[in-house]
Amino acid sequence: MKTFEVIFSLVAVLILAACNNSSTESSNSADKQAEHNSSSQTANGEAPKENTGTNKTEKNTAANDTAESQKEVYLKKLNDTKKEMDERRNNPEDDSTYAMIKVEGDRYDTWDGLVNEIYGVLQKQLPSDEMEQLRNEQRKWIEYRDSTAKEASLKYEGGTMEELEYVAVLGNLTEERCFELVEKYMQ
């Protein structure tokens, strides 16, 4: 019985040591990530400009440059995401319907996250009347997206391809909408 207690105590000490080490590594990793995130770069990779008491015209010009730069940043982000998603789509883990549905579902989730992110940026950029107009347009687009995906999937109704077609169409339309919102509305 004594041997069992010694082994149990040793295992408990090892587990506690491992947990402490894992916690320390997580804490250090979080500290490094926070340090990286708070580095002195703007969204386009440039160091922020020092406030030198510029006049109002110079500030407006700088704001317009930032907005134009933001549009360019988002177009690059969208193109990079498209390239990555196309690569995943063209090289699934296997050819099973399940694997293809997973790829298309992940693809849709990525584009849906981006369309929501872009919409959030536009809420800050657009005047309230234009934003209200876009809000109404976006509601109609969501209905269109969902009904188009449903209609496309019905040609496979009851089959294994129904879900795949539905989520693939959702992804395709949401990808298109991301580019449309940035190109048409972002300044």
N, C-alpha and C. Protein backbone atom coordinates (compact mmCIF):
# COMPACT_ATOMS: atom_id res chain seq x y z
N MET A 1 0.81 -1.18 0.00
CA MET A 1 0.00 0.00 0.00
C MET A 1 0.86 1.26 0.00
N LYS A 2 1.99 1.22 0.65
CA LYS A 2 2.90 2.35 0.73
C LYS A 2 3.39 2.74 -0.67
N THR A 3 3.72 1.75 -1.53
CA THR A 3 4.20 2.01 -2.89
C THR A 3 3.13 2.73 -3.68
N PHE A 4 1.87 2.31 -3.55
CA PHE A 4 0.78 2.95 -4.25
C PHE A 4 0.68 4.43 -3.86
N GLU A 5 0.80 4.75 -2.59
CA GLU A 5 0.72 6.14 -2.12
C GLU A 5 1.86 6.97 -2.67
N VAL A 6 3.06 6.39 -2.75
CA VAL A 6 4.22 7.11 -3.29
C VAL A 6 4.01 7.38 -4.77
N ILE A 7 3.55 6.36 -5.50
CA ILE A 7 3.32 6.53 -6.95
C ILE A 7 2.22 7.56 -7.16
N PHE A 8 1.14 7.47 -6.40
CA PHE A 8 0.04 8.42 -6.52
C PHE A 8 0.53 9.84 -6.25
N SER A 9 1.33 10.01 -5.21
CA SER A 9 1.86 11.34 -4.86
C SER A 9 2.76 11.86 -5.97
N LEU A 10 3.58 10.99 -6.54
CA LEU A 10 4.48 11.37 -7.62
C LEU A 10 3.68 11.80 -8.85
N VAL A 11 2.66 11.04 -9.20
CA VAL A 11 1.81 11.39 -10.35
C VAL A 11 1.12 12.73 -10.10
N ALA A 12 0.61 12.95 -8.91
CA ALA A 12 -0.06 14.20 -8.58
C ALA A 12 0.90 15.39 -8.71
N VAL A 13 2.14 15.21 -8.24
CA VAL A 13 3.14 16.28 -8.34
C VAL A 13 3.45 16.58 -9.79
N LEU A 14 3.60 15.52 -10.61
CA LEU A 14 3.89 15.71 -12.04
C LEU A 14 2.75 16.43 -12.75
N ILE A 15 1.53 16.06 -12.43
CA ILE A 15 0.38 16.72 -13.05
C ILE A 15 0.32 18.19 -12.65
N LEU A 16 0.53 18.47 -11.39
CA LEU A 16 0.52 19.87 -10.94
C LEU A 16 1.64 20.66 -11.59
N ALA A 17 2.79 20.06 -11.71
CA ALA A 17 3.92 20.75 -12.35
C ALA A 17 3.62 21.02 -13.81
N ALA A 18 3.03 20.05 -14.49
CA ALA A 18 2.68 20.23 -15.90
C ALA A 18 1.63 21.32 -16.06
N CYS A 19 0.64 21.34 -15.19
CA CYS A 19 -0.39 22.37 -15.25
C CYS A 19 0.21 23.75 -15.03
N ASN A 20 1.10 23.88 -14.08
CA ASN A 20 1.74 25.15 -13.79
C ASN A 20 2.57 25.60 -14.98
N ASN A 21 3.31 24.67 -15.59
CA ASN A 21 4.14 24.99 -16.75
C ASN A 21 3.25 25.43 -17.91
N SER A 22 2.15 24.70 -18.15
CA SER A 22 1.23 25.05 -19.23
C SER A 22 0.61 26.41 -18.99
N SER A 23 0.25 26.70 -17.74
CA SER A 23 -0.32 27.99 -17.39
C SER A 23 0.69 29.12 -17.62
N THR A 24 1.94 28.88 -17.26
CA THR A 24 2.98 29.88 -17.46
C THR A 24 3.21 30.12 -18.94
N GLU A 25 3.23 29.04 -19.73
CA GLU A 25 3.42 29.19 -21.17
C GLU A 25 2.26 29.96 -21.79
N SER A 26 1.02 29.64 -21.36
CA SER A 26 -0.15 30.35 -21.88
C SER A 26 -0.09 31.82 -21.52
N SER A 27 0.31 32.11 -20.29
CA SER A 27 0.41 33.49 -19.84
C SER A 27 1.47 34.24 -20.65
N ASN A 28 2.62 33.59 -20.84
CA ASN A 28 3.69 34.23 -21.62
C ASN A 28 3.24 34.44 -23.06
N SER A 29 2.54 33.47 -23.64
CA SER A 29 2.05 33.58 -25.00
C SER A 29 1.04 34.72 -25.11
N ALA A 30 0.15 34.81 -24.12
CA ALA A 30 -0.84 35.89 -24.12
C ALA A 30 -0.16 37.25 -23.98
N ASP A 31 0.87 37.32 -23.13
CA ASP A 31 1.60 38.58 -22.97
C ASP A 31 2.27 38.98 -24.27
N LYS A 32 2.88 38.01 -24.95
CA LYS A 32 3.55 38.31 -26.23
C LYS A 32 2.53 38.76 -27.27
N GLN A 33 1.35 38.10 -27.32
CA GLN A 33 0.32 38.48 -28.28
C GLN A 33 -0.19 39.89 -27.99
N ALA A 34 -0.41 40.20 -26.73
CA ALA A 34 -0.87 41.54 -26.36
C ALA A 34 0.18 42.58 -26.74
N GLU A 35 1.44 42.25 -26.51
CA GLU A 35 2.52 43.16 -26.86
C GLU A 35 2.55 43.39 -28.37
N HIS A 36 2.38 42.29 -29.12
CA HIS A 36 2.37 42.40 -30.58
C HIS A 36 1.19 43.25 -31.06
N ASN A 37 0.00 43.00 -30.48
CA ASN A 37 -1.19 43.73 -30.89
C ASN A 37 -1.11 45.21 -30.57
N SER A 38 -0.37 45.57 -29.54
CA SER A 38 -0.30 46.97 -29.16
C SER A 38 0.92 47.67 -29.76
N SER A 39 1.57 47.00 -30.71
CA SER A 39 2.73 47.64 -31.35
C SER A 39 2.27 48.87 -32.10
N SER A 40 3.19 49.71 -32.43
CA SER A 40 2.83 51.00 -33.00
C SER A 40 2.72 50.92 -34.51
N GLN A 41 1.75 50.13 -34.99
CA GLN A 41 1.46 50.10 -36.40
C GLN A 41 -0.02 50.30 -36.61
N THR A 42 -0.36 50.90 -37.76
CA THR A 42 -1.75 51.05 -38.13
C THR A 42 -2.16 49.83 -38.92
N ALA A 43 -3.42 49.81 -39.36
CA ALA A 43 -3.95 48.65 -40.09
C ALA A 43 -3.17 48.39 -41.38
N ASN A 44 -2.60 49.43 -41.99
CA ASN A 44 -1.88 49.20 -43.25
C ASN A 44 -0.38 48.99 -43.02
N GLY A 45 0.06 48.80 -41.79
CA GLY A 45 1.44 48.45 -41.51
C GLY A 45 2.37 49.63 -41.30
N GLU A 46 1.85 50.85 -41.39
CA GLU A 46 2.69 52.02 -41.21
C GLU A 46 2.64 52.46 -39.75
N ALA A 47 3.72 53.08 -39.31
CA ALA A 47 3.73 53.63 -37.96
C ALA A 47 2.78 54.82 -37.92
N PRO A 48 2.05 55.00 -36.84
CA PRO A 48 1.13 56.13 -36.78
C PRO A 48 1.87 57.46 -36.83
N LYS A 49 1.22 58.42 -37.44
CA LYS A 49 1.83 59.74 -37.57
C LYS A 49 1.69 60.49 -36.26
N GLU A 50 2.72 61.24 -35.93
CA GLU A 50 2.72 61.99 -34.70
C GLU A 50 1.81 63.20 -34.86
N ASN A 51 1.07 63.55 -33.82
CA ASN A 51 0.20 64.71 -33.86
C ASN A 51 1.07 65.95 -33.74
N THR A 52 1.13 66.70 -34.83
CA THR A 52 2.00 67.88 -34.85
C THR A 52 1.19 69.17 -34.88
N GLY A 53 -0.09 69.06 -34.49
CA GLY A 53 -0.91 70.27 -34.48
C GLY A 53 -1.27 70.73 -35.87
N THR A 54 -1.50 69.81 -36.80
CA THR A 54 -1.82 70.18 -38.17
C THR A 54 -3.17 70.87 -38.21
N ASN A 55 -3.35 71.63 -39.29
CA ASN A 55 -4.61 72.36 -39.39
C ASN A 55 -5.74 71.42 -39.85
N LYS A 56 -6.97 71.90 -39.87
CA LYS A 56 -8.15 71.09 -40.14
C LYS A 56 -8.11 70.48 -41.55
N THR A 57 -7.65 71.22 -42.55
CA THR A 57 -7.57 70.71 -43.91
C THR A 57 -6.62 69.53 -43.99
N GLU A 58 -5.47 69.65 -43.33
CA GLU A 58 -4.52 68.55 -43.34
C GLU A 58 -5.09 67.33 -42.63
N LYS A 59 -5.86 67.54 -41.56
CA LYS A 59 -6.47 66.43 -40.84
C LYS A 59 -7.50 65.74 -41.72
N ASN A 60 -8.32 66.52 -42.47
CA ASN A 60 -9.31 65.92 -43.36
C ASN A 60 -8.65 65.13 -44.46
N THR A 61 -7.55 65.66 -45.01
CA THR A 61 -6.81 64.95 -46.04
C THR A 61 -6.26 63.64 -45.48
N ALA A 62 -5.73 63.69 -44.27
CA ALA A 62 -5.19 62.49 -43.64
C ALA A 62 -6.31 61.48 -43.40
N ALA A 63 -7.48 61.96 -43.00
CA ALA A 63 -8.61 61.05 -42.78
C ALA A 63 -9.04 60.40 -44.08
N ASN A 64 -9.07 61.18 -45.17
CA ASN A 64 -9.43 60.61 -46.47
C ASN A 64 -8.39 59.60 -46.93
N ASP A 65 -7.11 59.89 -46.71
CA ASP A 65 -6.05 58.95 -47.07
C ASP A 65 -6.22 57.65 -46.29
N THR A 66 -6.56 57.76 -45.02
CA THR A 66 -6.75 56.58 -44.19
C THR A 66 -7.93 55.76 -44.70
N ALA A 67 -9.03 56.43 -45.06
CA ALA A 67 -10.21 55.72 -45.55
C ALA A 67 -9.89 55.03 -46.87
N GLU A 68 -9.20 55.72 -47.79
CA GLU A 68 -8.81 55.09 -49.05
C GLU A 68 -7.88 53.93 -48.78
N SER A 69 -6.97 54.13 -47.89
CA SER A 69 -6.04 53.08 -47.52
C SER A 69 -6.80 51.90 -46.92
N GLN A 70 -7.84 52.18 -46.15
CA GLN A 70 -8.63 51.10 -45.56
C GLN A 70 -9.31 50.29 -46.65
N LYS A 71 -9.81 50.93 -47.67
CA LYS A 71 -10.43 50.22 -48.80
C LYS A 71 -9.40 49.31 -49.46
N GLU A 72 -8.20 49.81 -49.67
CA GLU A 72 -7.14 49.00 -50.26
C GLU A 72 -6.77 47.83 -49.36
N VAL A 73 -6.72 48.07 -48.06
CA VAL A 73 -6.40 47.00 -47.11
C VAL A 73 -7.46 45.91 -47.19
N TYR A 74 -8.73 46.30 -47.26
CA TYR A 74 -9.80 45.30 -47.32
C TYR A 74 -9.82 44.56 -48.65
N LEU A 75 -9.54 45.24 -49.74
CA LEU A 75 -9.49 44.54 -51.03
C LEU A 75 -8.37 43.50 -51.02
N LYS A 76 -7.23 43.86 -50.43
CA LYS A 76 -6.14 42.90 -50.33
C LYS A 76 -6.55 41.73 -49.44
N LYS A 77 -7.17 42.04 -48.32
CA LYS A 77 -7.62 41.00 -47.39
C LYS A 77 -8.60 40.05 -48.08
N LEU A 78 -9.54 40.61 -48.84
CA LEU A 78 -10.52 39.79 -49.55
C LEU A 78 -9.86 38.92 -50.61
N ASN A 79 -8.93 39.50 -51.35
CA ASN A 79 -8.24 38.71 -52.38
C ASN A 79 -7.41 37.60 -51.76
N ASP A 80 -6.74 37.89 -50.66
CA ASP A 80 -5.96 36.86 -49.96
C ASP A 80 -6.87 35.75 -49.43
N THR A 81 -8.01 36.14 -48.89
CA THR A 81 -8.97 35.16 -48.37
C THR A 81 -9.52 34.31 -49.51
N LYS A 82 -9.83 34.94 -50.63
CA LYS A 82 -10.33 34.19 -51.79
C LYS A 82 -9.31 33.15 -52.24
N LYS A 83 -8.07 33.55 -52.30
CA LYS A 83 -7.01 32.63 -52.71
C LYS A 83 -6.93 31.44 -51.74
N GLU A 84 -6.96 31.73 -50.45
CA GLU A 84 -6.89 30.68 -49.43
C GLU A 84 -8.10 29.75 -49.50
N MET A 85 -9.29 30.33 -49.63
CA MET A 85 -10.51 29.52 -49.68
C MET A 85 -10.56 28.67 -50.95
N ASP A 86 -10.12 29.22 -52.08
CA ASP A 86 -10.07 28.45 -53.33
C ASP A 86 -9.10 27.28 -53.21
N GLU A 87 -7.98 27.51 -52.52
CA GLU A 87 -6.99 26.46 -52.30
C GLU A 87 -7.60 25.33 -51.46
N ARG A 88 -8.29 25.69 -50.42
CA ARG A 88 -8.94 24.67 -49.57
C ARG A 88 -10.00 23.91 -50.35
N ARG A 89 -10.75 24.65 -51.14
CA ARG A 89 -11.83 24.05 -51.93
C ARG A 89 -11.27 23.06 -52.96
N ASN A 90 -10.17 23.41 -53.55
CA ASN A 90 -9.57 22.57 -54.58
C ASN A 90 -8.77 21.40 -54.01
N ASN A 91 -8.47 21.43 -52.73
CA ASN A 91 -7.68 20.37 -52.10
C ASN A 91 -8.31 19.91 -50.79
N PRO A 92 -9.52 19.32 -50.85
CA PRO A 92 -10.14 18.85 -49.61
C PRO A 92 -9.37 17.66 -49.05
N GLU A 93 -9.59 17.38 -47.75
CA GLU A 93 -8.91 16.25 -47.11
C GLU A 93 -9.19 14.95 -47.84
N ASP A 94 -10.43 14.78 -48.28
CA ASP A 94 -10.79 13.61 -49.09
C ASP A 94 -11.98 14.01 -49.96
N ASP A 95 -12.45 13.08 -50.78
CA ASP A 95 -13.53 13.40 -51.71
C ASP A 95 -14.92 13.04 -51.18
N SER A 96 -15.00 12.77 -49.88
CA SER A 96 -16.30 12.42 -49.31
C SER A 96 -17.19 13.66 -49.28
N THR A 97 -18.48 13.41 -49.33
CA THR A 97 -19.43 14.51 -49.24
C THR A 97 -19.27 15.26 -47.92
N TYR A 98 -19.02 14.50 -46.85
CA TYR A 98 -18.81 15.12 -45.54
C TYR A 98 -17.64 16.10 -45.57
N ALA A 99 -16.52 15.69 -46.17
CA ALA A 99 -15.34 16.57 -46.24
C ALA A 99 -15.63 17.80 -47.08
N MET A 100 -16.36 17.63 -48.16
CA MET A 100 -16.68 18.78 -49.03
C MET A 100 -17.65 19.74 -48.32
N ILE A 101 -18.61 19.17 -47.57
CA ILE A 101 -19.53 20.03 -46.81
C ILE A 101 -18.75 20.81 -45.76
N LYS A 102 -17.79 20.18 -45.12
CA LYS A 102 -16.96 20.85 -44.11
C LYS A 102 -16.19 22.01 -44.74
N VAL A 103 -15.58 21.76 -45.88
CA VAL A 103 -14.82 22.82 -46.57
C VAL A 103 -15.74 23.98 -46.92
N GLU A 104 -16.90 23.66 -47.51
CA GLU A 104 -17.83 24.72 -47.91
C GLU A 104 -18.40 25.45 -46.69
N GLY A 105 -18.66 24.72 -45.62
CA GLY A 105 -19.16 25.35 -44.40
C GLY A 105 -18.13 26.29 -43.79
N ASP A 106 -16.87 25.85 -43.75
CA ASP A 106 -15.79 26.71 -43.24
C ASP A 106 -15.62 27.94 -44.13
N ARG A 107 -15.74 27.70 -45.43
CA ARG A 107 -15.62 28.80 -46.40
C ARG A 107 -16.73 29.82 -46.18
N TYR A 108 -17.95 29.34 -46.03
CA TYR A 108 -19.07 30.25 -45.78
C TYR A 108 -18.87 31.01 -44.47
N ASP A 109 -18.46 30.32 -43.42
CA ASP A 109 -18.23 30.97 -42.12
C ASP A 109 -17.20 32.08 -42.24
N THR A 110 -16.15 31.83 -43.02
CA THR A 110 -15.10 32.84 -43.20
C THR A 110 -15.66 34.08 -43.91
N TRP A 111 -16.39 33.86 -45.01
CA TRP A 111 -16.94 34.99 -45.76
C TRP A 111 -18.02 35.71 -44.96
N ASP A 112 -18.82 34.97 -44.20
CA ASP A 112 -19.86 35.59 -43.38
C ASP A 112 -19.23 36.47 -42.31
N GLY A 113 -18.14 36.01 -41.72
CA GLY A 113 -17.42 36.84 -40.75
C GLY A 113 -16.90 38.11 -41.37
N LEU A 114 -16.38 38.00 -42.59
CA LEU A 114 -15.85 39.18 -43.27
C LEU A 114 -16.96 40.15 -43.68
N VAL A 115 -18.08 39.64 -44.15
CA VAL A 115 -19.16 40.55 -44.54
C VAL A 115 -19.66 41.31 -43.32
N ASN A 116 -19.70 40.67 -42.17
CA ASN A 116 -20.11 41.36 -40.94
C ASN A 116 -19.06 42.38 -40.50
N GLU A 117 -17.79 42.03 -40.65
CA GLU A 117 -16.71 42.96 -40.32
C GLU A 117 -16.77 44.20 -41.21
N ILE A 118 -16.95 43.98 -42.49
CA ILE A 118 -17.03 45.09 -43.46
C ILE A 118 -18.24 45.97 -43.15
N TYR A 119 -19.36 45.35 -42.85
CA TYR A 119 -20.57 46.09 -42.50
C TYR A 119 -20.32 46.98 -41.28
N GLY A 120 -19.59 46.46 -40.31
CA GLY A 120 -19.25 47.24 -39.12
C GLY A 120 -18.39 48.45 -39.46
N VAL A 121 -17.44 48.28 -40.36
CA VAL A 121 -16.60 49.40 -40.79
C VAL A 121 -17.46 50.44 -41.51
N LEU A 122 -18.36 49.98 -42.36
CA LEU A 122 -19.22 50.90 -43.10
C LEU A 122 -20.15 51.68 -42.17
N GLN A 123 -20.57 51.07 -41.07
CA GLN A 123 -21.41 51.78 -40.10
C GLN A 123 -20.67 53.00 -39.53
N LYS A 124 -19.36 52.89 -39.42
CA LYS A 124 -18.56 54.00 -38.90
C LYS A 124 -18.26 55.03 -39.99
N GLN A 125 -18.19 54.59 -41.24
CA GLN A 125 -17.79 55.47 -42.33
C GLN A 125 -18.94 56.26 -42.95
N LEU A 126 -20.07 55.60 -43.12
CA LEU A 126 -21.15 56.21 -43.90
C LEU A 126 -22.01 57.15 -43.06
N PRO A 127 -22.50 58.20 -43.67
CA PRO A 127 -23.48 59.07 -42.98
C PRO A 127 -24.73 58.25 -42.66
N SER A 128 -25.49 58.67 -41.67
CA SER A 128 -26.62 57.89 -41.17
C SER A 128 -27.67 57.60 -42.25
N ASP A 129 -27.94 58.56 -43.15
CA ASP A 129 -28.94 58.31 -44.20
C ASP A 129 -28.47 57.23 -45.17
N GLU A 130 -27.19 57.26 -45.55
CA GLU A 130 -26.64 56.23 -46.44
C GLU A 130 -26.59 54.88 -45.73
N MET A 131 -26.29 54.90 -44.44
CA MET A 131 -26.23 53.65 -43.68
C MET A 131 -27.61 53.03 -43.58
N GLU A 132 -28.63 53.84 -43.40
CA GLU A 132 -30.00 53.33 -43.34
C GLU A 132 -30.39 52.69 -44.68
N GLN A 133 -29.99 53.33 -45.75
CA GLN A 133 -30.25 52.78 -47.09
C GLN A 133 -29.52 51.44 -47.26
N LEU A 134 -28.27 51.38 -46.83
CA LEU A 134 -27.50 50.14 -46.92
C LEU A 134 -28.10 49.06 -46.03
N ARG A 135 -28.56 49.43 -44.86
CA ARG A 135 -29.19 48.47 -43.93
C ARG A 135 -30.39 47.79 -44.60
N ASN A 136 -31.22 48.59 -45.28
CA ASN A 136 -32.38 48.03 -45.99
C ASN A 136 -31.93 47.13 -47.14
N GLU A 137 -30.93 47.59 -47.86
CA GLU A 137 -30.38 46.80 -48.97
C GLU A 137 -29.81 45.47 -48.45
N GLN A 138 -29.14 45.52 -47.31
CA GLN A 138 -28.51 44.33 -46.74
C GLN A 138 -29.59 43.31 -46.31
N ARG A 139 -30.66 43.80 -45.75
CA ARG A 139 -31.76 42.89 -45.36
C ARG A 139 -32.32 42.17 -46.58
N LYS A 140 -32.53 42.92 -47.67
CA LYS A 140 -33.04 42.31 -48.91
C LYS A 140 -32.02 41.32 -49.47
N TRP A 141 -30.74 41.68 -49.38
CA TRP A 141 -29.70 40.77 -49.89
C TRP A 141 -29.69 39.46 -49.09
N ILE A 142 -29.84 39.53 -47.79
CA ILE A 142 -29.85 38.32 -46.96
C ILE A 142 -31.01 37.41 -47.38
N GLU A 143 -32.18 37.99 -47.60
CA GLU A 143 -33.32 37.20 -48.08
C GLU A 143 -33.01 36.57 -49.43
N TYR A 144 -32.43 37.36 -50.33
CA TYR A 144 -32.05 36.86 -51.65
C TYR A 144 -31.04 35.72 -51.54
N ARG A 145 -30.02 35.92 -50.71
CA ARG A 145 -28.98 34.89 -50.53
C ARG A 145 -29.58 33.59 -50.05
N ASP A 146 -30.38 33.67 -49.00
CA ASP A 146 -30.96 32.47 -48.41
C ASP A 146 -31.91 31.75 -49.37
N SER A 147 -32.77 32.51 -50.06
CA SER A 147 -33.73 31.88 -50.98
C SER A 147 -33.01 31.30 -52.20
N THR A 148 -31.98 31.97 -52.68
CA THR A 148 -31.22 31.46 -53.83
C THR A 148 -30.51 30.16 -53.46
N ALA A 149 -29.92 30.11 -52.27
CA ALA A 149 -29.24 28.89 -51.82
C ALA A 149 -30.23 27.75 -51.66
N LYS A 150 -31.39 28.05 -51.09
CA LYS A 150 -32.42 27.01 -50.90
C LYS A 150 -32.90 26.49 -52.24
N GLU A 151 -33.17 27.39 -53.16
CA GLU A 151 -33.64 26.99 -54.49
C GLU A 151 -32.60 26.12 -55.20
N ALA A 152 -31.36 26.51 -55.12
CA ALA A 152 -30.30 25.73 -55.77
C ALA A 152 -30.16 24.34 -55.16
N SER A 153 -30.35 24.24 -53.85
CA SER A 153 -30.19 22.95 -53.17
C SER A 153 -31.34 21.99 -53.47
N LEU A 154 -32.50 22.53 -53.83
CA LEU A 154 -33.66 21.68 -54.05
C LEU A 154 -33.50 20.73 -55.23
N LYS A 155 -32.61 21.03 -56.14
CA LYS A 155 -32.40 20.10 -57.26
C LYS A 155 -31.78 18.79 -56.76
N TYR A 156 -31.26 18.80 -55.53
CA TYR A 156 -30.70 17.58 -54.91
C TYR A 156 -31.53 17.15 -53.70
N GLU A 157 -32.77 17.62 -53.63
CA GLU A 157 -33.61 17.39 -52.46
C GLU A 157 -33.61 15.92 -52.03
N GLY A 158 -33.31 15.73 -50.74
CA GLY A 158 -33.30 14.40 -50.17
C GLY A 158 -32.00 13.65 -50.37
N GLY A 159 -31.12 14.20 -51.18
CA GLY A 159 -29.84 13.54 -51.44
C GLY A 159 -28.71 14.12 -50.61
N THR A 160 -27.57 13.47 -50.68
CA THR A 160 -26.43 13.93 -49.88
C THR A 160 -25.86 15.25 -50.39
N MET A 161 -26.15 15.59 -51.62
CA MET A 161 -25.62 16.82 -52.19
C MET A 161 -26.45 18.06 -51.84
N GLU A 162 -27.64 17.86 -51.28
CA GLU A 162 -28.51 19.00 -50.97
C GLU A 162 -27.82 19.99 -50.04
N GLU A 163 -27.28 19.50 -48.93
CA GLU A 163 -26.62 20.38 -47.96
C GLU A 163 -25.37 21.01 -48.56
N LEU A 164 -24.62 20.23 -49.34
CA LEU A 164 -23.41 20.75 -49.96
C LEU A 164 -23.74 21.91 -50.90
N GLU A 165 -24.75 21.74 -51.72
CA GLU A 165 -25.14 22.80 -52.66
C GLU A 165 -25.61 24.04 -51.91
N TYR A 166 -26.38 23.85 -50.86
CA TYR A 166 -26.91 24.97 -50.08
C TYR A 166 -25.77 25.81 -49.51
N VAL A 167 -24.85 25.16 -48.82
CA VAL A 167 -23.77 25.91 -48.15
C VAL A 167 -22.78 26.48 -49.18
N ALA A 168 -22.59 25.80 -50.30
CA ALA A 168 -21.69 26.32 -51.34
C ALA A 168 -22.25 27.60 -51.95
N VAL A 169 -23.56 27.63 -52.20
CA VAL A 169 -24.18 28.83 -52.76
C VAL A 169 -24.15 29.97 -51.74
N LEU A 170 -24.40 29.65 -50.47
CA LEU A 170 -24.28 30.68 -49.43
C LEU A 170 -22.88 31.30 -49.45
N GLY A 171 -21.87 30.45 -49.53
CA GLY A 171 -20.48 30.93 -49.55
C GLY A 171 -20.18 31.79 -50.77
N ASN A 172 -20.62 31.31 -51.94
CA ASN A 172 -20.37 32.06 -53.18
C ASN A 172 -21.00 33.45 -53.15
N LEU A 173 -22.27 33.51 -52.74
CA LEU A 173 -22.97 34.79 -52.71
C LEU A 173 -22.40 35.73 -51.65
N THR A 174 -21.98 35.18 -50.52
CA THR A 174 -21.42 36.01 -49.46
C THR A 174 -20.05 36.54 -49.86
N GLU A 175 -19.27 35.72 -50.54
CA GLU A 175 -17.98 36.20 -51.08
C GLU A 175 -18.19 37.37 -52.03
N GLU A 176 -19.13 37.21 -52.96
CA GLU A 176 -19.44 38.29 -53.91
C GLU A 176 -19.87 39.56 -53.18
N ARG A 177 -20.68 39.39 -52.15
CA ARG A 177 -21.18 40.55 -51.40
C ARG A 177 -20.05 41.29 -50.69
N CYS A 178 -19.08 40.56 -50.17
CA CYS A 178 -17.94 41.21 -49.52
C CYS A 178 -17.25 42.16 -50.49
N PHE A 179 -16.93 41.67 -51.68
CA PHE A 179 -16.27 42.51 -52.67
C PHE A 179 -17.15 43.68 -53.07
N GLU A 180 -18.45 43.42 -53.25
CA GLU A 180 -19.38 44.48 -53.64
C GLU A 180 -19.44 45.59 -52.59
N LEU A 181 -19.55 45.22 -51.33
CA LEU A 181 -19.63 46.23 -50.27
C LEU A 181 -18.37 47.09 -50.21
N VAL A 182 -17.21 46.46 -50.31
CA VAL A 182 -15.96 47.21 -50.24
C VAL A 182 -15.82 48.12 -51.45
N GLU A 183 -16.05 47.58 -52.64
CA GLU A 183 -15.87 48.37 -53.86
C GLU A 183 -16.89 49.50 -54.01
N LYS A 184 -18.12 49.24 -53.60
CA LYS A 184 -19.20 50.21 -53.80
C LYS A 184 -19.30 51.24 -52.68
N TYR A 185 -19.07 50.82 -51.43
CA TYR A 185 -19.36 51.69 -50.30
C TYR A 185 -18.14 52.18 -49.51
N MET A 186 -17.12 51.35 -49.41
CA MET A 186 -16.00 51.74 -48.57
C MET A 186 -15.23 52.87 -49.21
N GLN A 187 -14.82 53.80 -48.38
CA GLN A 187 -14.14 55.00 -48.89
C GLN A 187 -12.65 54.92 -48.69
